[in-house]
Structures are given as structure tokens and as C-alpha cells.
Amino acid sequence: MPRRVVALILMSLVPLTVFAESVESRGMSVPSLRDAALGGEHVAFADGFETLFSNPAGLVHVDPQFSFIPLTVRLAGPVFSLSSAIAQGIGGDLATVLASPSVQDLLRSIYANLSLTGPLYFGYAGSGKGFAVLNESDALFQNVGTAGFEARLSQRLLVVAGYGLVIPLPDSWESSLSAGLGLKGFVRGDVIVRTSLLELPALVDSAGFDLLTSSPFELISGIGIDAGLSYQWRGTIGVAVTAENLYASSATLSYDQLGEFLDSSGDAGLPAYSTPAREVTLGFAYTPSLGAFERYVQNLIVLIDYRDIFDFWMDPANTENIILKFGLGVEATLLEVLALRVGLGDGLFAAGLALNLASVTLSAAMHGSELSAEPGLRPVYNLVLGLEFRR
């Protein structure tokens, strides 16, 4: 009975995300809409609830705030082309549309995404402390090999907690130094549907719940520890360094069929353990004084980060081009209501905006992600929309 309950929870939001998956990491990270518009995560940016995920040391600079029931939808890849094909299929025969030469060409290099963060999402951050509990639903459609096709439907539950403390410095330095520690843990279930491009139309034509229960299923769990330092000088210049996955481990149980997990008839055997690579990131933040212009423009900040500095040493098999490691971002608020954001991440342009209406924030962002280790080889463009309630 417990396994049936777990499976129902894991699959409860899958129908909402049948055509996609997030470009960001599928492990213990939390993709941020704000970071997406600013060219990626910025560890020296100690402002807002997102600080809990980027650098726990920055929590000492965050005003106390609660975040609850945010909904964030992410779309990536040729989603609109897929949507057009699906719309044609709804009006006729979807299997016939998928078998057409134009759609088959699209699927041969497909990597499409739609993910949903929430509706389970609540947390607190401020005064050096923070925690969050959230769920994320996504699915991945991608080509495998020369003529293979895979859909991975996922549901993840993530718990994060952070603590930061101030390290005393002489008053004459006019600066502050803080250190922080973050803990995270997750449980994720993946249903994996594999087929060939030629067999895909017939598979879609016969799709149903039986297809899911007869597909392979993976149950993944993991824990991790992050650490960070943050230095602020006169509230103008910030320097920070973080060590993500300072300790991290995950275990995967693989079942031949989801149905075997549901009725406890299958044996997954011994779990497969893995250790995510450690990532050290250095970040800078500059907040200039605007003088009389602050009546119209507030909170202008310029951000520069160099991510995963030691990947050539800690994870040589997945070393990226140095261009992909830099993140640049600029944010400014107009009339204390409209936040405008631009950035550069993975060597690709990013932009976004947020409308702050008292305790409700409406946000949107567009950014690029590079799926390869070299710039420009396999870029994917993303659209992110969000609604959040805060107090």
C-alpha cells in the first residue's frame, strides 16, 4: 500500500508535463526564474528568497520573508513546433502527424522541455536562516542514438535548509563577512518510455496508463551539503565563493516495470550509488549609488560569476569550455515596481522582468542553455513564467 501511495504522488502531475523536461540539473538544484533572466546563478547576490539556494552565507543580509504557493513553468527546445504538430493530431490522427517526414526530422535531434515547480512550495528566509519544501514535475523528450527516442516523466520532492552567521570584523573596515552551510535532500521517481522513431506513431496511438506501468521505473534519493562565504564592503561591493556538493551522494533503485514497484512484485536489487561533482564558484556584485536618479531607478546591481572553477580537476570527464562558465547579469527596479533584468549565461543572451504587486510577484524570463561542452554546438532556448506570493 505505501508504494502505491508513493507512486500516485510521483505521477500526480505527470499529465501536465507530458511534452518536456528542464534543461537545468535534475539533481538537487533549484532553477530560479530570477537567475534565468540574469545569466544563471550569482553567489554574491544576497537579496531575496533565492539566496537560500545560491549561497547560504548571504542569508544574513536577507530581510525575513515567507514564500508560499509559487508556480513556475519552464519551456525549452522546439516546444512550439511540437505543440503545432500535436494540435494537428488533435484534429485528426496524431500517429499520422508523427509519422510525417517533417516531424520525424524534428524528432531526430529533439530535446524539448516543460517543467512545473509547485504547487507544493513553501519556505522562509532571513536573519541568517532559511528552509524550503517544494515539488517539481517534469518530463524529457529526447533522441537517443541515431534512431532512438526516450520520454522520461519525473516527479521530485526537495527539502532545503540553510544557516548563515556573521564573522566579526573591525568597525573601521566598514565591511562584513559571513559564512553559511546548506543542507539538501531529495526523492525523485522517473518513468522511462523508450522506443524507436519508426515505432513512435504506433506507440502514441496505443498510449495509456498500461504503457506507464509496463515501462522501466527508477527511484532516486540523495543528500548534499553546500558551503559559502560572503564579503560585503560598504554595501557597494560584494565578493562570494561557494562550494556546491561539498558532500553529496545519491542512490538509484531500478525496476524493470513501474507495475513491479506498485505491487511490490519486483526486486530492484542493490542500489547504484553516485557522487555529484563538487563545484566551486566565485562571484562579484557591484551596487552603484545613483544619487538623484534613485527616485526613478532603484536597486541597480551588476553581477559577474565564474562557475565551476576547478572542473578540470574535480570532474575532468565533463570539463566545459571556459566561455560557458561565465555568468553576467544586470538588474534594476523602476519606480519600485518593475524589475528589469538582462544577462549572459552559457555564452547565450538572457532577459526578463518582474512586476512586484505588494505580496504578489509576476515574472517572466527568456534564456539560452548550452547542452554541449562547447559554446554554440547545441543551444536550447527557454521560456520561464512565474507567479509567487510572499510576505
Protein backbone atom coordinates (compact mmCIF):
# COMPACT_ATOMS: atom_id res chain seq x y z
CA MET A 1 0.00 0.00 0.00
CA PRO A 2 2.74 2.57 0.81
CA ARG A 3 4.31 2.01 -2.61
CA ARG A 4 1.01 2.73 -4.33
CA VAL A 5 0.72 5.98 -2.39
CA VAL A 6 4.27 7.00 -3.32
CA ALA A 7 3.66 6.21 -7.00
CA LEU A 8 0.42 8.20 -7.07
CA ILE A 9 2.22 11.21 -5.59
CA LEU A 10 5.08 10.87 -8.08
CA MET A 11 2.72 10.65 -11.03
CA SER A 12 0.07 13.11 -9.88
CA LEU A 13 1.38 15.95 -12.07
CA VAL A 14 2.82 13.93 -14.96
CA PRO A 15 -0.17 14.60 -17.27
CA LEU A 16 0.65 18.32 -17.03
CA THR A 17 4.19 17.77 -18.32
CA VAL A 18 3.98 15.11 -20.97
CA PHE A 19 5.97 17.00 -23.55
CA ALA A 20 9.08 18.18 -21.77
CA GLU A 21 11.84 18.45 -19.13
CA SER A 22 14.04 21.02 -17.53
CA VAL A 23 17.35 21.97 -19.07
CA GLU A 24 18.74 22.69 -15.69
CA SER A 25 20.23 19.91 -13.36
CA ARG A 26 17.83 17.12 -12.42
CA GLY A 27 19.50 16.50 -9.06
CA MET A 28 19.43 18.74 -6.00
CA SER A 29 19.49 22.17 -7.67
CA VAL A 30 16.53 24.56 -7.74
CA PRO A 31 16.25 26.50 -11.01
CA SER A 32 15.38 30.15 -10.26
CA LEU A 33 13.36 32.36 -12.60
CA ARG A 34 15.31 35.39 -11.44
CA ASP A 35 18.65 33.67 -12.08
CA ALA A 36 17.44 32.54 -15.50
CA ALA A 37 16.99 36.17 -16.57
CA LEU A 38 20.38 37.17 -15.12
CA GLY A 39 22.52 34.62 -16.95
CA GLY A 40 22.48 31.95 -14.24
CA GLU A 41 23.08 31.74 -10.51
CA HIS A 42 25.03 34.58 -8.83
CA VAL A 43 26.55 33.68 -5.47
CA ALA A 44 27.34 37.26 -4.38
CA PHE A 45 23.74 38.41 -4.91
CA ALA A 46 22.40 38.33 -1.35
CA ASP A 47 18.88 39.60 -1.92
CA GLY A 48 15.61 37.71 -1.78
CA PHE A 49 14.45 34.17 -1.10
CA GLU A 50 16.69 32.72 -3.85
CA THR A 51 19.72 33.36 -1.61
CA LEU A 52 18.80 30.18 0.27
CA PHE A 53 19.69 28.16 -2.85
CA SER A 54 22.62 30.17 -4.23
CA ASN A 55 24.72 30.92 -1.12
CA PRO A 56 23.62 30.24 2.48
CA ALA A 57 26.19 32.76 3.74
CA GLY A 58 24.11 35.52 2.16
CA LEU A 59 21.11 34.72 4.36
CA VAL A 60 22.42 37.16 6.98
CA HIS A 61 21.67 40.02 4.54
CA VAL A 62 18.12 38.92 3.65
CA ASP A 63 15.11 40.54 5.30
CA PRO A 64 12.75 37.95 6.84
CA GLN A 65 10.21 36.74 4.29
CA PHE A 66 7.90 33.82 3.66
CA SER A 67 7.38 32.32 0.20
CA PHE A 68 4.38 30.12 -0.50
CA ILE A 69 2.45 28.60 -3.40
CA PRO A 70 4.69 29.87 -6.22
CA LEU A 71 4.11 28.32 -9.63
CA THR A 72 6.91 28.37 -12.18
CA VAL A 73 6.54 26.90 -15.67
CA ARG A 74 9.59 26.33 -17.86
CA LEU A 75 9.54 25.52 -21.56
CA ALA A 76 12.62 24.70 -23.61
CA GLY A 77 13.51 23.49 -27.08
CA PRO A 78 11.17 23.46 -30.10
CA VAL A 79 8.09 23.36 -27.89
CA PHE A 80 6.01 25.48 -30.25
CA SER A 81 6.80 23.23 -33.21
CA LEU A 82 5.77 20.21 -31.15
CA SER A 83 2.63 21.99 -29.98
CA SER A 84 1.70 22.70 -33.60
CA ALA A 85 2.13 19.02 -34.50
CA ILE A 86 0.06 17.95 -31.51
CA ALA A 87 -2.68 20.45 -32.38
CA GLN A 88 -2.86 18.94 -35.86
CA GLY A 89 -3.07 15.49 -34.33
CA ILE A 90 -5.92 16.50 -32.02
CA GLY A 91 -7.95 17.50 -35.02
CA GLY A 92 -7.10 14.29 -36.83
CA ASP A 93 -4.74 11.36 -36.43
CA LEU A 94 -1.79 12.16 -34.14
CA ALA A 95 0.03 8.97 -35.17
CA THR A 96 -0.12 10.08 -38.83
CA VAL A 97 1.25 13.52 -37.94
CA LEU A 98 4.16 11.99 -36.01
CA ALA A 99 4.96 9.73 -38.96
CA SER A 100 5.23 12.68 -41.37
CA PRO A 101 8.77 13.39 -42.71
CA SER A 102 8.92 16.93 -41.26
CA VAL A 103 8.03 15.79 -37.73
CA GLN A 104 10.39 12.79 -37.95
CA ASP A 105 13.25 15.15 -38.91
CA LEU A 106 12.39 17.30 -35.89
CA LEU A 107 12.41 14.30 -33.55
CA ARG A 108 15.83 13.08 -34.74
CA SER A 109 17.51 15.89 -32.79
CA ILE A 110 14.81 16.67 -30.26
CA TYR A 111 15.40 17.98 -26.76
CA ALA A 112 12.19 19.60 -25.51
CA ASN A 113 11.12 20.67 -22.06
CA LEU A 114 8.24 21.71 -19.92
CA SER A 115 8.62 21.59 -16.14
CA LEU A 116 6.43 22.80 -13.30
CA THR A 117 7.70 23.87 -9.88
CA GLY A 118 4.88 23.79 -7.30
CA PRO A 119 2.12 23.87 -6.25
CA LEU A 120 3.75 22.32 -3.16
CA TYR A 121 6.21 25.06 -2.27
CA PHE A 122 6.65 26.95 0.97
CA GLY A 123 9.61 28.32 2.86
CA TYR A 124 11.22 31.06 4.90
CA ALA A 125 14.45 33.02 4.53
CA GLY A 126 16.01 35.83 6.51
CA SER A 127 18.14 36.82 9.51
CA GLY A 128 20.65 34.08 8.76
CA LYS A 129 18.22 31.18 8.49
CA GLY A 130 16.10 29.58 5.80
CA PHE A 131 14.26 26.47 4.70
CA ALA A 132 12.11 25.36 1.78
CA VAL A 133 10.00 22.34 0.82
CA LEU A 134 8.95 22.03 -2.80
CA ASN A 135 7.96 19.64 -5.54
CA GLU A 136 8.86 19.71 -9.22
CA SER A 137 7.26 17.83 -12.10
CA ASP A 138 8.90 17.44 -15.48
CA ALA A 139 9.31 15.17 -18.44
CA LEU A 140 12.00 14.88 -21.05
CA PHE A 141 11.64 14.12 -24.74
CA GLN A 142 14.98 13.49 -26.45
CA ASN A 143 16.52 11.44 -29.20
CA VAL A 144 18.80 8.56 -28.18
CA GLY A 145 21.43 7.37 -30.62
CA THR A 146 20.65 7.60 -34.32
CA ALA A 147 17.02 6.45 -34.36
CA GLY A 148 16.02 6.05 -30.71
CA PHE A 149 13.54 8.09 -28.71
CA GLU A 150 13.09 8.47 -24.94
CA ALA A 151 10.50 10.11 -22.73
CA ARG A 152 11.33 10.45 -19.04
CA LEU A 153 8.45 11.54 -16.79
CA SER A 154 9.55 12.68 -13.34
CA GLN A 155 8.28 13.91 -10.01
CA ARG A 156 10.68 15.28 -7.37
CA LEU A 157 10.33 16.32 -3.74
CA LEU A 158 13.14 18.55 -2.44
CA VAL A 159 13.89 19.81 1.08
CA VAL A 160 16.50 22.56 1.63
CA ALA A 161 17.74 24.29 4.79
CA GLY A 162 20.44 26.90 5.30
CA TYR A 163 22.16 28.76 8.10
CA GLY A 164 24.46 31.77 7.95
CA LEU A 165 26.42 33.59 10.63
CA VAL A 166 28.36 36.83 10.79
CA ILE A 167 32.13 36.71 11.35
CA PRO A 168 33.08 39.86 13.32
CA LEU A 169 35.39 42.38 11.62
CA PRO A 170 36.80 45.69 12.89
CA ASP A 171 34.34 48.57 12.52
CA SER A 172 36.99 50.62 10.73
CA TRP A 173 36.86 48.17 7.82
CA GLU A 174 33.28 49.22 7.04
CA SER A 175 32.60 45.73 5.81
CA SER A 176 31.03 42.43 6.82
CA LEU A 177 31.98 38.80 6.42
CA SER A 178 29.63 35.84 6.75
CA ALA A 179 29.79 32.08 6.36
CA GLY A 180 26.99 29.65 5.71
CA LEU A 181 26.09 26.00 5.42
CA GLY A 182 23.27 24.48 3.38
CA LEU A 183 21.69 21.04 3.63
CA LYS A 184 19.53 19.47 0.91
CA GLY A 185 17.81 16.19 0.23
CA PHE A 186 15.50 14.87 -2.46
CA VAL A 187 13.43 11.92 -3.60
CA ARG A 188 12.60 11.53 -7.28
CA GLY A 189 10.72 8.98 -9.33
CA ASP A 190 11.28 8.56 -13.09
CA VAL A 191 9.13 6.59 -15.52
CA ILE A 192 11.15 5.92 -18.69
CA VAL A 193 9.49 5.19 -22.03
CA ARG A 194 11.84 4.14 -24.83
CA THR A 195 11.09 3.37 -28.46
CA SER A 196 12.38 3.99 -31.98
CA LEU A 197 11.27 6.86 -34.18
CA LEU A 198 9.61 4.41 -36.58
CA GLU A 199 7.61 2.80 -33.77
CA LEU A 200 6.69 6.10 -32.08
CA PRO A 201 3.44 6.71 -34.03
CA ALA A 202 2.09 3.26 -33.12
CA LEU A 203 3.16 3.76 -29.50
CA VAL A 204 1.33 7.09 -29.26
CA ASP A 205 -1.73 5.58 -30.91
CA SER A 206 -1.93 2.94 -28.16
CA ALA A 207 -0.77 5.14 -25.24
CA GLY A 208 -2.48 4.69 -21.88
CA PHE A 209 -1.85 4.01 -18.22
CA ASP A 210 -0.79 0.45 -19.10
CA LEU A 211 2.11 1.91 -21.09
CA LEU A 212 3.41 3.66 -17.96
CA THR A 213 3.01 0.68 -15.66
CA SER A 214 4.90 -1.55 -18.11
CA SER A 215 7.79 0.93 -18.54
CA PRO A 216 11.03 0.97 -16.51
CA PHE A 217 10.94 2.93 -13.25
CA GLU A 218 13.75 4.50 -11.22
CA LEU A 219 13.52 5.69 -7.62
CA ILE A 220 16.35 8.10 -6.79
CA SER A 221 17.17 9.67 -3.44
CA GLY A 222 20.07 11.86 -2.37
CA ILE A 223 21.52 14.25 0.17
CA GLY A 224 24.04 17.04 -0.10
CA ILE A 225 25.89 19.79 1.75
CA ASP A 226 26.83 23.21 0.37
CA ALA A 227 29.02 25.88 1.95
CA GLY A 228 29.69 29.53 1.23
CA LEU A 229 31.45 32.75 2.22
CA SER A 230 30.21 36.28 1.55
CA TYR A 231 32.07 39.59 1.95
CA GLN A 232 30.35 42.98 1.67
CA TRP A 233 32.15 46.34 1.59
CA ARG A 234 30.11 49.47 2.36
CA GLY A 235 27.06 47.85 0.83
CA THR A 236 28.57 48.57 -2.59
CA ILE A 237 30.91 45.71 -3.46
CA GLY A 238 30.29 42.07 -2.72
CA VAL A 239 32.57 39.06 -3.18
CA ALA A 240 31.46 35.49 -2.52
CA VAL A 241 32.64 31.94 -3.01
CA THR A 242 30.61 28.75 -2.71
CA ALA A 243 31.36 25.05 -2.71
CA GLU A 244 28.34 23.17 -4.04
CA ASN A 245 28.09 19.44 -3.30
CA LEU A 246 30.85 19.71 -0.73
CA TYR A 247 29.45 16.36 0.26
CA ALA A 248 26.77 14.73 -1.85
CA SER A 249 25.56 11.21 -2.61
CA SER A 250 22.59 9.66 -4.35
CA ALA A 251 21.23 6.13 -4.69
CA THR A 252 19.13 4.73 -7.54
CA LEU A 253 16.82 1.72 -7.41
CA SER A 254 15.88 0.46 -10.88
CA TYR A 255 12.78 -1.61 -11.61
CA ASP A 256 12.04 -3.33 -14.91
CA GLN A 257 8.47 -2.04 -14.74
CA LEU A 258 6.60 0.57 -12.74
CA GLY A 259 3.95 -2.06 -12.05
CA GLU A 260 6.53 -4.15 -10.16
CA PHE A 261 7.16 -1.21 -7.84
CA LEU A 262 3.44 -0.61 -7.34
CA ASP A 263 2.53 -4.15 -6.34
CA SER A 264 5.86 -4.98 -4.65
CA SER A 265 6.37 -7.93 -7.00
CA GLY A 266 9.75 -6.80 -8.37
CA ASP A 267 13.20 -6.75 -6.86
CA ALA A 268 15.36 -3.75 -7.73
CA GLY A 269 18.43 -5.41 -6.30
CA LEU A 270 21.23 -3.37 -4.79
CA PRO A 271 21.08 0.41 -5.28
CA ALA A 272 23.50 2.13 -7.64
CA TYR A 273 25.37 4.92 -5.86
CA SER A 274 26.75 8.06 -7.44
CA THR A 275 28.52 11.17 -6.21
CA PRO A 276 27.83 14.51 -7.95
CA ALA A 277 30.94 16.53 -8.74
CA ARG A 278 31.88 19.38 -6.42
CA GLU A 279 31.53 22.84 -7.93
CA VAL A 280 33.42 25.90 -6.67
CA THR A 281 32.07 29.27 -7.84
CA LEU A 282 33.44 32.79 -7.39
CA GLY A 283 31.11 35.77 -7.71
CA PHE A 284 31.25 39.58 -7.66
CA ALA A 285 28.45 42.12 -7.16
CA TYR A 286 28.55 45.89 -7.61
CA THR A 287 25.77 48.19 -6.43
CA PRO A 288 26.49 51.77 -7.57
CA SER A 289 24.92 54.84 -6.00
CA LEU A 290 22.59 56.60 -8.42
CA GLY A 291 22.11 59.81 -6.46
CA ALA A 292 19.09 61.80 -7.62
CA PHE A 293 18.17 59.08 -10.13
CA GLU A 294 17.24 56.71 -7.29
CA ARG A 295 13.84 58.38 -7.27
CA TYR A 296 13.15 56.54 -10.53
CA VAL A 297 15.66 53.68 -10.58
CA GLN A 298 16.35 51.54 -7.51
CA ASN A 299 18.47 48.53 -6.66
CA LEU A 300 20.77 48.67 -9.67
CA ILE A 301 23.25 45.82 -9.40
CA VAL A 302 25.91 44.37 -11.71
CA LEU A 303 26.86 40.70 -11.26
CA ILE A 304 29.79 38.62 -12.55
CA ASP A 305 30.39 34.94 -11.72
CA TYR A 306 32.95 32.35 -12.71
CA ARG A 307 31.34 28.96 -12.09
CA ASP A 308 32.78 25.51 -11.52
CA ILE A 309 36.33 26.84 -11.37
CA PHE A 310 38.06 23.51 -10.76
CA ASP A 311 36.05 21.19 -13.04
CA PHE A 312 39.27 20.24 -14.89
CA TRP A 313 40.46 18.74 -11.59
CA MET A 314 37.29 17.62 -9.80
CA ASP A 315 35.35 16.40 -12.85
CA PRO A 316 37.75 16.13 -15.81
CA ALA A 317 35.38 13.92 -17.83
CA ASN A 318 32.85 16.78 -18.01
CA THR A 319 35.10 19.81 -18.36
CA GLU A 320 33.40 22.71 -20.16
CA ASN A 321 34.77 25.48 -22.34
CA ILE A 322 35.71 28.46 -20.17
CA ILE A 323 33.21 30.67 -22.01
CA LEU A 324 30.33 28.58 -20.65
CA LYS A 325 31.45 29.17 -17.06
CA PHE A 326 30.99 32.94 -17.02
CA GLY A 327 27.71 34.48 -15.96
CA LEU A 328 26.92 38.19 -16.33
CA GLY A 329 23.80 39.92 -15.09
CA VAL A 330 22.32 43.38 -14.53
CA GLU A 331 19.12 44.15 -12.62
CA ALA A 332 17.35 47.44 -11.92
CA THR A 333 13.95 48.30 -10.46
CA LEU A 334 11.89 51.10 -11.98
CA LEU A 335 9.59 53.09 -9.67
CA GLU A 336 9.91 50.32 -7.04
CA VAL A 337 7.52 48.11 -9.02
CA LEU A 338 9.03 46.83 -12.28
CA ALA A 339 12.32 44.89 -12.18
CA LEU A 340 14.21 44.65 -15.48
CA ARG A 341 16.90 42.01 -15.95
CA VAL A 342 19.44 41.15 -18.66
CA GLY A 343 22.26 38.65 -18.62
CA LEU A 344 24.65 36.35 -20.42
CA GLY A 345 25.00 32.70 -19.43
CA ASP A 346 26.38 29.66 -21.27
CA GLY A 347 27.52 32.17 -23.87
CA LEU A 348 23.86 32.98 -24.67
CA PHE A 349 21.67 36.04 -24.07
CA ALA A 350 19.12 36.19 -21.26
CA ALA A 351 16.46 38.74 -20.29
CA GLY A 352 13.41 39.04 -18.07
CA LEU A 353 11.18 41.22 -15.96
CA ALA A 354 9.14 41.04 -12.76
CA LEU A 355 6.11 43.01 -11.64
CA ASN A 356 6.00 43.39 -7.84
CA LEU A 357 2.45 43.98 -6.63
CA ALA A 358 2.56 44.06 -2.82
CA SER A 359 2.69 40.39 -1.80
CA VAL A 360 2.29 39.04 -5.37
CA THR A 361 5.05 38.88 -7.99
CA LEU A 362 4.55 38.10 -11.68
CA SER A 363 7.74 37.19 -13.54
CA ALA A 364 8.92 36.13 -16.99
CA ALA A 365 12.33 35.25 -18.40
CA MET A 366 13.97 34.06 -21.60
CA HIS A 367 17.41 32.48 -21.63
CA GLY A 368 19.62 30.08 -23.52
CA SER A 369 21.26 26.88 -22.29
CA GLU A 370 24.13 25.02 -23.92
CA LEU A 371 23.75 21.23 -23.81
CA SER A 372 27.27 20.53 -25.06
CA ALA A 373 30.67 21.32 -23.52
CA GLU A 374 31.47 23.86 -26.26
CA PRO A 375 29.67 27.16 -26.99
CA GLY A 376 27.16 27.19 -29.82
CA LEU A 377 27.20 23.46 -30.61
CA ARG A 378 23.78 22.59 -29.16
CA PRO A 379 21.96 25.63 -27.76
CA VAL A 380 18.45 25.35 -26.34
CA TYR A 381 16.26 28.37 -25.71
CA ASN A 382 13.96 28.56 -22.72
CA LEU A 383 10.87 30.49 -21.68
CA VAL A 384 10.05 30.76 -17.97
CA LEU A 385 6.85 32.14 -16.39
CA GLY A 386 6.22 32.51 -12.67
CA LEU A 387 3.67 33.58 -10.07
CA GLU A 388 4.69 33.92 -6.41
CA PHE A 389 3.15 35.00 -3.11
CA ARG A 390 5.43 36.43 -0.40
CA ARG A 391 5.05 38.14 2.96
